[in-house]
Amino acid sequence: MDFLTAAVMIVAIVAATAVLTVKLLSSAPARVAAVLTAIVALFAVIPRIVQPLSPAPSPPAPAATVTVPPAEPSGTAPVPPPSRLADPPETAGTRGVS
């Protein structure tokens, strides 16, 4: 049962109780006044009864994060990664033939 349905049912039950009480006690006006005062007190407490039924707020979504590479020190050029196809220095120019 969701929050809205539960809240409507609680208010409907309290209202039906008030109507039935006034109808049954219509012959004794002093009792009607006392019961209506008690029902008003009950209506004053309804927000506290309904509050635990309300859905919990969802936590805020985390902000998007961006990974930034470290900055190069000023005055130096970045060194490119070594290539797999480049010849090693000891065999440069010989094409691997000894």
N, C-alpha and C. Protein backbone atom coordinates (compact mmCIF):
# COMPACT_ATOMS: atom_id res chain seq x y z
N MET A 1 0.85 -1.17 0.00
CA MET A 1 0.00 0.00 0.00
C MET A 1 0.90 1.23 0.00
N ASP A 2 0.61 2.16 -0.87
CA ASP A 2 1.44 3.36 -0.96
C ASP A 2 0.97 4.41 0.05
N PHE A 3 1.76 5.45 0.14
CA PHE A 3 1.54 6.51 1.13
C PHE A 3 0.18 7.17 0.97
N LEU A 4 -0.17 7.53 -0.25
CA LEU A 4 -1.42 8.26 -0.47
C LEU A 4 -2.64 7.43 -0.09
N THR A 5 -2.63 6.15 -0.44
CA THR A 5 -3.75 5.28 -0.11
C THR A 5 -3.89 5.14 1.40
N ALA A 6 -2.78 4.95 2.09
CA ALA A 6 -2.83 4.82 3.55
C ALA A 6 -3.35 6.09 4.21
N ALA A 7 -2.89 7.23 3.73
CA ALA A 7 -3.33 8.51 4.31
C ALA A 7 -4.84 8.72 4.09
N VAL A 8 -5.32 8.41 2.90
CA VAL A 8 -6.75 8.56 2.60
C VAL A 8 -7.57 7.62 3.47
N MET A 9 -7.10 6.39 3.65
CA MET A 9 -7.84 5.43 4.48
C MET A 9 -7.90 5.89 5.94
N ILE A 10 -6.81 6.42 6.46
CA ILE A 10 -6.81 6.89 7.86
C ILE A 10 -7.79 8.04 8.03
N VAL A 11 -7.79 9.00 7.12
CA VAL A 11 -8.71 10.14 7.21
C VAL A 11 -10.15 9.67 7.04
N ALA A 12 -10.41 8.73 6.14
CA ALA A 12 -11.77 8.22 5.93
C ALA A 12 -12.29 7.50 7.18
N ILE A 13 -11.44 6.71 7.83
CA ILE A 13 -11.87 6.00 9.04
C ILE A 13 -12.19 6.99 10.14
N VAL A 14 -11.38 8.01 10.31
CA VAL A 14 -11.63 9.01 11.35
C VAL A 14 -12.91 9.79 11.04
N ALA A 15 -13.11 10.15 9.78
CA ALA A 15 -14.32 10.89 9.41
C ALA A 15 -15.57 10.02 9.61
N ALA A 16 -15.50 8.75 9.26
CA ALA A 16 -16.64 7.85 9.45
C ALA A 16 -16.95 7.69 10.94
N THR A 17 -15.91 7.63 11.75
CA THR A 17 -16.11 7.54 13.20
C THR A 17 -16.81 8.79 13.73
N ALA A 18 -16.41 9.95 13.23
CA ALA A 18 -17.04 11.20 13.67
C ALA A 18 -18.51 11.24 13.28
N VAL A 19 -18.82 10.86 12.05
CA VAL A 19 -20.21 10.89 11.58
C VAL A 19 -21.06 9.91 12.37
N LEU A 20 -20.56 8.70 12.60
CA LEU A 20 -21.32 7.70 13.36
C LEU A 20 -21.53 8.14 14.80
N THR A 21 -20.53 8.75 15.40
CA THR A 21 -20.65 9.21 16.78
C THR A 21 -21.71 10.31 16.91
N VAL A 22 -21.70 11.26 16.00
CA VAL A 22 -22.70 12.33 16.05
C VAL A 22 -24.10 11.76 15.84
N LYS A 23 -24.24 10.80 14.96
CA LYS A 23 -25.56 10.20 14.69
C LYS A 23 -26.07 9.44 15.92
N LEU A 24 -25.17 8.65 16.55
CA LEU A 24 -25.60 7.86 17.70
C LEU A 24 -25.87 8.72 18.94
N LEU A 25 -25.14 9.81 19.09
CA LEU A 25 -25.29 10.65 20.28
C LEU A 25 -26.12 11.91 20.03
N SER A 26 -26.92 11.91 18.99
CA SER A 26 -27.69 13.12 18.67
C SER A 26 -28.71 13.47 19.74
N SER A 27 -29.09 12.51 20.58
CA SER A 27 -30.08 12.81 21.62
C SER A 27 -29.43 13.47 22.84
N ALA A 28 -28.12 13.42 22.96
CA ALA A 28 -27.45 14.03 24.12
C ALA A 28 -26.43 15.05 23.62
N PRO A 29 -26.84 16.34 23.49
CA PRO A 29 -25.95 17.37 22.93
C PRO A 29 -24.65 17.57 23.71
N ALA A 30 -24.65 17.37 25.02
CA ALA A 30 -23.43 17.54 25.80
C ALA A 30 -22.40 16.48 25.43
N ARG A 31 -22.88 15.27 25.20
CA ARG A 31 -21.97 14.19 24.80
C ARG A 31 -21.43 14.43 23.39
N VAL A 32 -22.26 14.96 22.52
CA VAL A 32 -21.81 15.25 21.16
C VAL A 32 -20.67 16.26 21.19
N ALA A 33 -20.80 17.28 22.02
CA ALA A 33 -19.74 18.29 22.12
C ALA A 33 -18.45 17.68 22.64
N ALA A 34 -18.56 16.81 23.65
CA ALA A 34 -17.36 16.18 24.20
C ALA A 34 -16.70 15.26 23.18
N VAL A 35 -17.50 14.51 22.46
CA VAL A 35 -16.95 13.58 21.47
C VAL A 35 -16.35 14.37 20.30
N LEU A 36 -16.99 15.44 19.87
CA LEU A 36 -16.42 16.24 18.78
C LEU A 36 -15.10 16.87 19.20
N THR A 37 -14.99 17.27 20.46
CA THR A 37 -13.71 17.79 20.95
C THR A 37 -12.64 16.72 20.90
N ALA A 38 -12.98 15.51 21.28
CA ALA A 38 -12.02 14.40 21.22
C ALA A 38 -11.64 14.09 19.77
N ILE A 39 -12.59 14.17 18.86
CA ILE A 39 -12.30 13.89 17.44
C ILE A 39 -11.41 14.98 16.86
N VAL A 40 -11.63 16.24 17.26
CA VAL A 40 -10.76 17.33 16.80
C VAL A 40 -9.33 17.09 17.29
N ALA A 41 -9.20 16.61 18.53
CA ALA A 41 -7.86 16.29 19.04
C ALA A 41 -7.24 15.16 18.22
N LEU A 42 -8.06 14.20 17.81
CA LEU A 42 -7.56 13.10 16.99
C LEU A 42 -7.10 13.61 15.62
N PHE A 43 -7.87 14.52 15.02
CA PHE A 43 -7.46 15.11 13.74
C PHE A 43 -6.17 15.90 13.88
N ALA A 44 -5.94 16.49 15.04
CA ALA A 44 -4.71 17.25 15.25
C ALA A 44 -3.49 16.32 15.29
N VAL A 45 -3.70 15.06 15.66
CA VAL A 45 -2.60 14.10 15.78
C VAL A 45 -2.37 13.34 14.46
N ILE A 46 -3.29 13.41 13.53
CA ILE A 46 -3.16 12.64 12.28
C ILE A 46 -1.86 12.91 11.53
N PRO A 47 -1.37 14.14 11.43
CA PRO A 47 -0.10 14.33 10.72
C PRO A 47 1.05 13.52 11.33
N ARG A 48 1.06 13.38 12.65
CA ARG A 48 2.10 12.58 13.29
C ARG A 48 1.91 11.10 12.99
N ILE A 49 0.66 10.67 12.80
CA ILE A 49 0.40 9.27 12.48
C ILE A 49 0.81 8.97 11.04
N VAL A 50 0.55 9.90 10.15
CA VAL A 50 0.80 9.70 8.72
C VAL A 50 2.28 9.90 8.37
N GLN A 51 3.02 10.67 9.13
CA GLN A 51 4.42 10.98 8.80
C GLN A 51 5.29 9.74 8.61
N PRO A 52 5.25 8.72 9.48
CA PRO A 52 6.09 7.54 9.24
C PRO A 52 5.72 6.77 7.98
N LEU A 53 4.50 6.98 7.48
CA LEU A 53 4.09 6.28 6.27
C LEU A 53 4.64 6.94 5.01
N SER A 54 5.08 8.18 5.11
CA SER A 54 5.55 8.89 3.92
C SER A 54 6.85 8.26 3.43
N PRO A 55 7.04 8.25 2.11
CA PRO A 55 8.25 7.65 1.55
C PRO A 55 9.49 8.45 1.94
N ALA A 56 10.57 7.72 2.18
CA ALA A 56 11.83 8.38 2.55
C ALA A 56 12.40 9.08 1.33
N PRO A 57 12.96 10.26 1.51
CA PRO A 57 13.56 10.95 0.36
C PRO A 57 14.77 10.17 -0.14
N SER A 58 14.88 10.09 -1.45
CA SER A 58 16.02 9.38 -2.01
C SER A 58 17.27 10.25 -1.94
N PRO A 59 18.43 9.62 -1.75
CA PRO A 59 19.65 10.42 -1.68
C PRO A 59 19.94 11.06 -3.03
N PRO A 60 20.58 12.21 -3.05
CA PRO A 60 20.87 12.86 -4.33
C PRO A 60 21.86 12.03 -5.15
N ALA A 61 21.71 12.09 -6.44
CA ALA A 61 22.61 11.36 -7.33
C ALA A 61 24.00 11.97 -7.26
N PRO A 62 25.03 11.12 -7.28
CA PRO A 62 26.38 11.68 -7.23
C PRO A 62 26.69 12.46 -8.50
N ALA A 63 27.51 13.46 -8.36
CA ALA A 63 27.88 14.28 -9.51
C ALA A 63 28.78 13.46 -10.44
N ALA A 64 28.72 13.76 -11.70
CA ALA A 64 29.57 13.07 -12.67
C ALA A 64 31.02 13.42 -12.42
N THR A 65 31.87 12.42 -12.49
CA THR A 65 33.29 12.66 -12.27
C THR A 65 34.04 12.53 -13.59
N VAL A 66 35.06 13.33 -13.75
CA VAL A 66 35.87 13.32 -14.96
C VAL A 66 37.31 13.06 -14.54
N THR A 67 37.95 12.08 -15.18
CA THR A 67 39.34 11.79 -14.88
C THR A 67 40.20 12.64 -15.80
N VAL A 68 41.09 13.40 -15.21
CA VAL A 68 41.96 14.30 -15.97
C VAL A 68 43.39 13.81 -15.81
N PRO A 69 44.13 13.67 -16.93
CA PRO A 69 45.52 13.22 -16.80
C PRO A 69 46.34 14.30 -16.09
N PRO A 70 47.44 13.89 -15.44
CA PRO A 70 48.25 14.89 -14.73
C PRO A 70 48.85 15.89 -15.72
N ALA A 71 48.99 17.10 -15.26
CA ALA A 71 49.54 18.17 -16.11
C ALA A 71 51.05 17.98 -16.25
N GLU A 72 51.57 18.31 -17.43
CA GLU A 72 53.01 18.25 -17.67
C GLU A 72 53.67 19.47 -17.05
N PRO A 73 54.86 19.30 -16.48
CA PRO A 73 55.55 20.48 -15.96
C PRO A 73 55.82 21.46 -17.10
N SER A 74 55.79 22.73 -16.81
CA SER A 74 55.98 23.73 -17.86
C SER A 74 57.40 23.65 -18.43
N GLY A 75 57.51 23.81 -19.73
CA GLY A 75 58.82 23.81 -20.39
C GLY A 75 59.26 22.43 -20.87
N THR A 76 58.54 21.38 -20.58
CA THR A 76 58.93 20.05 -21.07
C THR A 76 57.83 19.52 -21.97
N ALA A 77 58.24 18.85 -23.00
CA ALA A 77 57.29 18.26 -23.94
C ALA A 77 56.96 16.86 -23.46
N PRO A 78 55.74 16.41 -23.68
CA PRO A 78 55.39 15.06 -23.28
C PRO A 78 56.16 14.03 -24.11
N VAL A 79 56.56 12.95 -23.49
CA VAL A 79 57.29 11.90 -24.17
C VAL A 79 56.27 10.91 -24.70
N PRO A 80 56.30 10.64 -26.04
CA PRO A 80 55.32 9.69 -26.59
C PRO A 80 55.68 8.27 -26.13
N PRO A 81 54.67 7.42 -26.00
CA PRO A 81 54.95 6.04 -25.61
C PRO A 81 55.72 5.32 -26.71
N PRO A 82 56.57 4.36 -26.35
CA PRO A 82 57.33 3.65 -27.37
C PRO A 82 56.42 2.83 -28.27
N SER A 83 56.79 2.74 -29.54
CA SER A 83 55.98 2.01 -30.51
C SER A 83 56.46 0.56 -30.56
N ARG A 84 55.56 -0.35 -30.80
CA ARG A 84 55.93 -1.76 -30.92
C ARG A 84 56.67 -2.02 -32.24
N LEU A 85 56.38 -1.22 -33.23
CA LEU A 85 56.96 -1.46 -34.54
C LEU A 85 58.35 -0.86 -34.69
N ALA A 86 58.77 -0.01 -33.79
CA ALA A 86 60.09 0.61 -33.91
C ALA A 86 61.17 -0.42 -33.58
N ASP A 87 62.30 -0.32 -34.29
CA ASP A 87 63.41 -1.23 -34.03
C ASP A 87 64.09 -0.83 -32.73
N PRO A 88 64.56 -1.82 -31.94
CA PRO A 88 65.33 -1.47 -30.75
C PRO A 88 66.62 -0.79 -31.15
N PRO A 89 67.22 0.04 -30.30
CA PRO A 89 68.42 0.81 -30.66
C PRO A 89 69.60 -0.07 -31.05
N GLU A 90 69.80 -1.24 -30.46
CA GLU A 90 70.98 -2.04 -30.80
C GLU A 90 70.89 -2.69 -32.16
N THR A 91 69.68 -2.81 -32.72
CA THR A 91 69.54 -3.41 -34.05
C THR A 91 69.10 -2.40 -35.08
N ALA A 92 69.16 -1.13 -34.76
CA ALA A 92 68.70 -0.11 -35.68
C ALA A 92 69.57 -0.13 -36.95
N GLY A 93 68.94 -0.13 -38.06
CA GLY A 93 69.64 -0.10 -39.36
C GLY A 93 70.04 -1.49 -39.85
N THR A 94 70.04 -2.51 -39.05
CA THR A 94 70.43 -3.84 -39.50
C THR A 94 69.22 -4.72 -39.77
N ARG A 95 68.05 -4.24 -39.48
CA ARG A 95 66.81 -4.97 -39.67
C ARG A 95 66.82 -6.32 -38.98
N GLY A 96 67.48 -6.40 -37.84
CA GLY A 96 67.46 -7.61 -37.06
C GLY A 96 68.46 -8.66 -37.53
N VAL A 97 69.23 -8.39 -38.59
CA VAL A 97 70.20 -9.36 -39.09
C VAL A 97 71.54 -9.07 -38.45
N SER A 98 72.19 -10.09 -37.88
CA SER A 98 73.46 -9.87 -37.23
C SER A 98 74.60 -10.27 -38.11
